[in-house]
Amino acid sequence: MLIVTSIQKLIFRRVSFMGTMDRISPSNVKKGLWKNSRTCTLLPHIQCSRPWCSLHPICWKCGNGNNSVMFCKNCNALQKPNKNINYYDILGIDSTFDLDTNDLTKKYRRLQSILHPDKYASSSENERNISEEYSSVVNKAYSTLLPPLARGLYLLELQGVHLEEGNVQTNPEFLMELMERNEEVGQANSESEIRAVSEKNKKMLNDLIKEASKAFKAGNVEEAKEVLIKMKYFSSIEAKIKVLKINKGYME
C-alpha cells in the first residue's frame, strides 16, 4: 500500500502533462495495467524492463537514486535530458512512421508547458539551464517527427541507416519525371499554372508517404530508403513552388 500510495502521489503531480491520466489511475496501478503504458518511465518505484526507465539513476540536486526520466522523485528537480533517449520516447509516442499528428502536437504542447524556461524563472541557474536545454530537445524532437520526410529519415537513423548527399535515384523513369516537374515549375507564371503544378507535386508526395508507410510497416528498410530519397527530391520541388508563390504574390 505504501508503494501504491507513493505512485499515486507522483502520478497526479507529474503525469498529467503526458495526457495519460486515462491509462494510469490508482485502480490500474493496483491491477498492474501500467505495464502496458509507455509512461512507466515516470514510475520510479517499479523496475521496468524498458531500457529508458533507468536513464537518470542519480539526481544532480539531491543525489537521490532510482529516478524517473524527467523529475527527481525525492526533491522534484527537473533532470538533465539524457542523450541516449530517442525523440519518440521523449514525446511518449510509439516508434512508428504513421503518427496521429494531432496527438503528437498535444503531447508536445503539454511538455513545453511544463518545461518552458519561464516556469523556472525563480529557480536556480542550473535548473534554468536544464529547462532551456530540455525545452530545446523537445522542440527538436517535435520538428523532426512532425514532417513525414524528417520522421522517416529519423526512423532510418535509429536503425543505423543514413542518407548521404551522394544518395541519388538512378531510375530513368523517375529522373525523367523529376526533370519534367522542374520544367513545369520553371515555366509556371499565372496563379492557375502555379496552383496546378503545386497540386500535382503534393499528390506525388502524398503517394510517396503512403509507399513509405507500407515499407516501414513491412520492415523493408531498403524500400523505405528508396522512397525517402524520392521524397527528398519532391520536397525540394515543393520548396521551389513555395518560393515561386511568394515571389508572384500568390499566397494561399
Protein backbone atom coordinates (compact mmCIF):
# COMPACT_ATOMS: atom_id res chain seq x y z
CA MET A 1 0.00 0.00 0.00
CA LEU A 2 2.86 2.40 0.75
CA ILE A 3 4.29 1.88 -2.73
CA VAL A 4 0.91 2.33 -4.40
CA THR A 5 0.28 5.50 -2.38
CA SER A 6 3.67 6.91 -3.37
CA ILE A 7 3.00 6.11 -7.01
CA GLN A 8 -0.42 7.76 -6.86
CA LYS A 9 1.08 10.96 -5.45
CA LEU A 10 3.73 11.08 -8.15
CA ILE A 11 1.26 10.31 -10.92
CA PHE A 12 -1.24 13.01 -10.02
CA ARG A 13 1.54 15.55 -9.52
CA ARG A 14 3.51 14.98 -12.73
CA VAL A 15 1.98 12.53 -15.20
CA SER A 16 -0.98 14.63 -16.28
CA PHE A 17 1.14 16.58 -18.78
CA MET A 18 1.67 13.40 -20.79
CA GLY A 19 -2.06 13.08 -21.37
CA THR A 20 -2.17 9.61 -19.86
CA MET A 21 -4.45 10.04 -16.87
CA ASP A 22 -6.96 7.82 -18.64
CA ARG A 23 -4.43 4.98 -18.79
CA ILE A 24 -2.75 5.30 -15.39
CA SER A 25 -5.11 5.51 -12.47
CA PRO A 26 -4.91 4.17 -8.91
CA SER A 27 -7.02 1.17 -9.91
CA ASN A 28 -4.87 0.44 -12.94
CA VAL A 29 -1.70 0.65 -10.83
CA LYS A 30 -3.11 -1.90 -8.42
CA LYS A 31 -4.03 -4.20 -11.32
CA GLY A 32 -0.63 -3.81 -12.91
CA LEU A 33 -2.12 -2.31 -16.07
CA TRP A 34 0.51 0.44 -16.08
CA LYS A 35 2.93 -2.13 -17.54
CA ASN A 36 1.32 -1.69 -20.94
CA SER A 37 1.78 2.07 -20.87
CA ARG A 38 4.76 3.97 -22.20
CA THR A 39 4.58 6.20 -19.13
CA CYS A 40 6.15 3.56 -16.90
CA THR A 41 9.20 5.81 -17.29
CA LEU A 42 7.54 8.03 -14.71
CA LEU A 43 7.04 5.29 -12.12
CA PRO A 44 10.32 5.37 -10.15
CA HIS A 45 9.41 2.61 -7.67
CA ILE A 46 8.81 -0.01 -10.35
CA GLN A 47 11.60 -1.97 -12.02
CA CYS A 48 10.74 -1.95 -15.71
CA SER A 49 12.48 -3.96 -18.43
CA ARG A 50 12.39 -1.00 -20.81
CA PRO A 51 15.90 0.47 -21.08
CA TRP A 52 14.88 4.12 -20.84
CA CYS A 53 13.27 3.66 -17.42
CA SER A 54 16.59 3.99 -15.58
CA LEU A 55 18.27 6.71 -17.61
CA HIS A 56 18.57 9.06 -14.62
CA PRO A 57 19.58 6.94 -11.61
CA ILE A 58 21.15 9.81 -9.64
CA CYS A 59 19.63 13.26 -9.12
CA TRP A 60 22.07 16.12 -9.75
CA LYS A 61 20.48 18.18 -6.97
CA CYS A 62 19.90 15.87 -4.01
CA GLY A 63 21.87 12.77 -5.03
CA ASN A 64 18.82 10.53 -4.71
CA GLY A 65 18.82 7.45 -6.93
CA ASN A 66 16.28 5.46 -8.96
CA ASN A 67 14.66 8.49 -10.53
CA SER A 68 12.18 8.97 -13.33
CA VAL A 69 13.26 10.30 -16.72
CA MET A 70 12.26 13.92 -16.10
CA PHE A 71 11.81 14.64 -12.40
CA CYS A 72 13.51 13.51 -9.20
CA LYS A 73 11.08 11.54 -7.04
CA ASN A 74 12.72 12.93 -3.92
CA CYS A 75 13.24 16.67 -4.49
CA ASN A 76 11.12 17.05 -7.64
CA ALA A 77 14.00 18.72 -9.52
CA LEU A 78 13.97 18.65 -13.30
CA GLN A 79 16.62 16.21 -14.51
CA LYS A 80 19.01 16.76 -17.41
CA PRO A 81 17.83 15.27 -20.73
CA ASN A 82 19.60 12.00 -21.46
CA LYS A 83 21.24 11.96 -24.86
CA ASN A 84 20.50 8.25 -25.30
CA ILE A 85 16.73 8.63 -25.24
CA ASN A 86 15.19 8.96 -28.69
CA TYR A 87 12.68 11.55 -29.86
CA TYR A 88 9.76 9.13 -29.75
CA ASP A 89 10.36 8.30 -26.10
CA ILE A 90 10.81 11.96 -25.21
CA LEU A 91 7.33 12.73 -26.57
CA GLY A 92 5.83 9.49 -25.27
CA ILE A 93 4.69 8.01 -28.59
CA ASP A 94 5.27 4.72 -30.40
CA SER A 95 8.27 4.48 -32.74
CA THR A 96 6.34 4.28 -35.98
CA PHE A 97 6.11 6.16 -39.26
CA ASP A 98 2.32 6.51 -39.06
CA LEU A 99 1.54 9.07 -36.39
CA ASP A 100 -1.51 10.91 -35.17
CA THR A 101 -0.05 14.40 -35.65
CA ASN A 102 -2.81 15.96 -33.55
CA ASP A 103 -1.87 13.72 -30.63
CA LEU A 104 1.81 14.48 -31.24
CA THR A 105 1.12 18.22 -31.10
CA LYS A 106 -0.93 17.90 -27.90
CA LYS A 107 1.83 15.98 -26.13
CA TYR A 108 4.43 18.44 -27.36
CA ARG A 109 2.47 21.40 -26.03
CA ARG A 110 1.91 19.72 -22.68
CA LEU A 111 5.60 19.01 -22.35
CA GLN A 112 6.52 22.58 -23.24
CA SER A 113 4.02 23.92 -20.73
CA ILE A 114 5.98 22.03 -18.08
CA LEU A 115 9.48 22.68 -19.42
CA HIS A 116 9.26 26.29 -20.60
CA PRO A 117 12.11 28.34 -19.09
CA ASP A 118 9.61 30.92 -17.80
CA LYS A 119 8.39 28.26 -15.36
CA TYR A 120 11.87 28.24 -13.83
CA ALA A 121 12.49 31.99 -13.71
CA SER A 122 12.75 31.94 -9.89
CA SER A 123 14.69 28.65 -9.77
CA SER A 124 18.45 28.16 -9.54
CA GLU A 125 20.65 28.95 -12.53
CA ASN A 126 21.31 25.23 -13.01
CA GLU A 127 17.61 24.42 -13.18
CA ARG A 128 17.01 27.30 -15.60
CA ASN A 129 19.76 25.98 -17.85
CA ILE A 130 18.34 22.46 -17.69
CA SER A 131 14.84 23.67 -18.56
CA GLU A 132 16.24 25.56 -21.56
CA GLU A 133 18.19 22.51 -22.69
CA TYR A 134 15.23 20.17 -22.23
CA SER A 135 12.88 22.60 -23.98
CA SER A 136 15.30 22.76 -26.91
CA VAL A 137 15.45 18.96 -27.12
CA VAL A 138 11.66 18.70 -27.08
CA ASN A 139 11.43 21.32 -29.85
CA LYS A 140 13.93 19.36 -31.91
CA ALA A 141 12.02 16.13 -31.31
CA TYR A 142 8.74 17.70 -32.39
CA SER A 143 10.15 19.39 -35.51
CA THR A 144 11.75 16.07 -36.51
CA LEU A 145 8.73 13.83 -36.01
CA LEU A 146 6.04 16.14 -37.38
CA PRO A 147 7.04 16.22 -41.10
CA PRO A 148 6.77 12.77 -42.78
CA LEU A 149 10.14 13.08 -44.56
CA ALA A 150 12.11 14.09 -41.47
CA ARG A 151 10.29 11.41 -39.45
CA GLY A 152 11.15 8.72 -41.98
CA LEU A 153 14.79 9.78 -42.13
CA TYR A 154 14.94 9.70 -38.33
CA LEU A 155 13.46 6.20 -38.24
CA LEU A 156 16.17 5.08 -40.64
CA GLU A 157 18.81 6.71 -38.43
CA LEU A 158 17.50 4.74 -35.45
CA GLN A 159 18.27 1.63 -37.49
CA GLY A 160 21.73 2.86 -38.40
CA VAL A 161 20.83 3.92 -41.94
CA HIS A 162 21.80 7.41 -43.12
CA LEU A 163 21.02 9.09 -46.42
CA GLU A 164 24.14 10.89 -47.53
CA GLU A 165 24.24 13.75 -50.02
CA GLY A 166 25.54 11.32 -52.62
CA ASN A 167 22.44 9.13 -52.44
CA VAL A 168 20.67 9.53 -55.80
CA GLN A 169 17.76 7.87 -57.52
CA THR A 170 19.00 6.42 -60.83
CA ASN A 171 15.71 5.04 -62.15
CA PRO A 172 15.42 6.60 -65.67
CA GLU A 173 11.64 6.98 -65.49
CA PHE A 174 11.86 8.71 -62.14
CA LEU A 175 14.62 11.05 -63.32
CA MET A 176 12.60 11.94 -66.40
CA GLU A 177 9.52 12.72 -64.29
CA LEU A 178 11.67 14.82 -61.98
CA MET A 179 13.05 16.83 -64.88
CA GLU A 180 9.56 17.41 -66.28
CA ARG A 181 8.29 18.58 -62.90
CA ASN A 182 11.17 21.03 -62.54
CA GLU A 183 10.47 22.37 -66.03
CA GLU A 184 6.80 22.85 -65.15
CA VAL A 185 7.76 24.84 -62.07
CA GLY A 186 10.16 26.97 -64.10
CA GLN A 187 7.53 27.71 -66.74
CA ALA A 188 4.62 28.39 -64.39
CA ASN A 189 3.68 32.08 -64.32
CA SER A 190 -0.03 32.51 -63.74
CA GLU A 191 -1.76 31.69 -60.47
CA SER A 192 -3.66 28.80 -62.09
CA GLU A 193 -0.44 27.30 -63.50
CA ILE A 194 1.34 27.52 -60.18
CA ARG A 195 -1.65 26.01 -58.38
CA ALA A 196 -1.80 23.15 -60.89
CA VAL A 197 1.88 22.22 -60.56
CA SER A 198 1.61 22.57 -56.78
CA GLU A 199 -1.34 20.18 -56.58
CA LYS A 200 0.45 17.69 -58.82
CA ASN A 201 3.55 17.78 -56.67
CA LYS A 202 1.55 17.43 -53.45
CA LYS A 203 -0.22 14.38 -54.86
CA MET A 204 3.13 12.81 -55.66
CA LEU A 205 4.35 13.49 -52.12
CA ASN A 206 1.17 12.03 -50.62
CA ASP A 207 1.58 8.89 -52.75
CA LEU A 208 5.19 8.56 -51.62
CA ILE A 209 4.15 8.96 -47.97
CA LYS A 210 1.78 6.02 -48.43
CA GLU A 211 4.58 3.98 -50.01
CA ALA A 212 6.91 4.84 -47.13
CA SER A 213 4.23 3.78 -44.65
CA LYS A 214 3.90 0.38 -46.31
CA ALA A 215 7.67 -0.08 -46.41
CA PHE A 216 8.11 0.72 -42.72
CA LYS A 217 5.19 -1.49 -41.72
CA ALA A 218 6.74 -4.36 -43.67
CA GLY A 219 10.11 -3.69 -42.10
CA ASN A 220 11.63 -3.21 -45.55
CA VAL A 221 14.42 -0.74 -44.80
CA GLU A 222 15.84 -0.68 -48.33
CA GLU A 223 12.47 0.09 -49.87
CA ALA A 224 11.83 2.79 -47.28
CA LYS A 225 15.22 4.27 -48.10
CA GLU A 226 14.44 4.42 -51.82
CA VAL A 227 11.06 6.04 -51.20
CA LEU A 228 12.55 8.65 -48.88
CA ILE A 229 15.17 9.54 -51.49
CA LYS A 230 12.31 10.29 -53.89
CA MET A 231 10.53 12.28 -51.19
CA LYS A 232 13.63 14.43 -50.74
CA TYR A 233 13.57 15.35 -54.43
CA PHE A 234 9.88 16.23 -54.48
CA SER A 235 10.14 18.07 -51.16
CA SER A 236 12.83 20.18 -52.82
CA ILE A 237 10.42 20.96 -55.65
CA GLU A 238 7.75 21.84 -53.09
CA ALA A 239 10.14 24.35 -51.55
CA LYS A 240 10.72 25.90 -55.00
CA ILE A 241 6.97 26.20 -55.54
CA LYS A 242 6.56 27.98 -52.20
CA VAL A 243 9.26 30.48 -53.18
CA LEU A 244 7.56 30.96 -56.55
CA LYS A 245 4.22 31.67 -54.84
CA ILE A 246 5.85 34.25 -52.58
CA ASN A 247 7.61 35.95 -55.46
CA LYS A 248 4.40 36.07 -57.51
CA GLY A 249 2.27 37.10 -54.55
CA TYR A 250 0.08 34.01 -54.83
CA MET A 251 -0.06 33.05 -51.16
CA GLU A 252 -2.70 30.52 -50.13
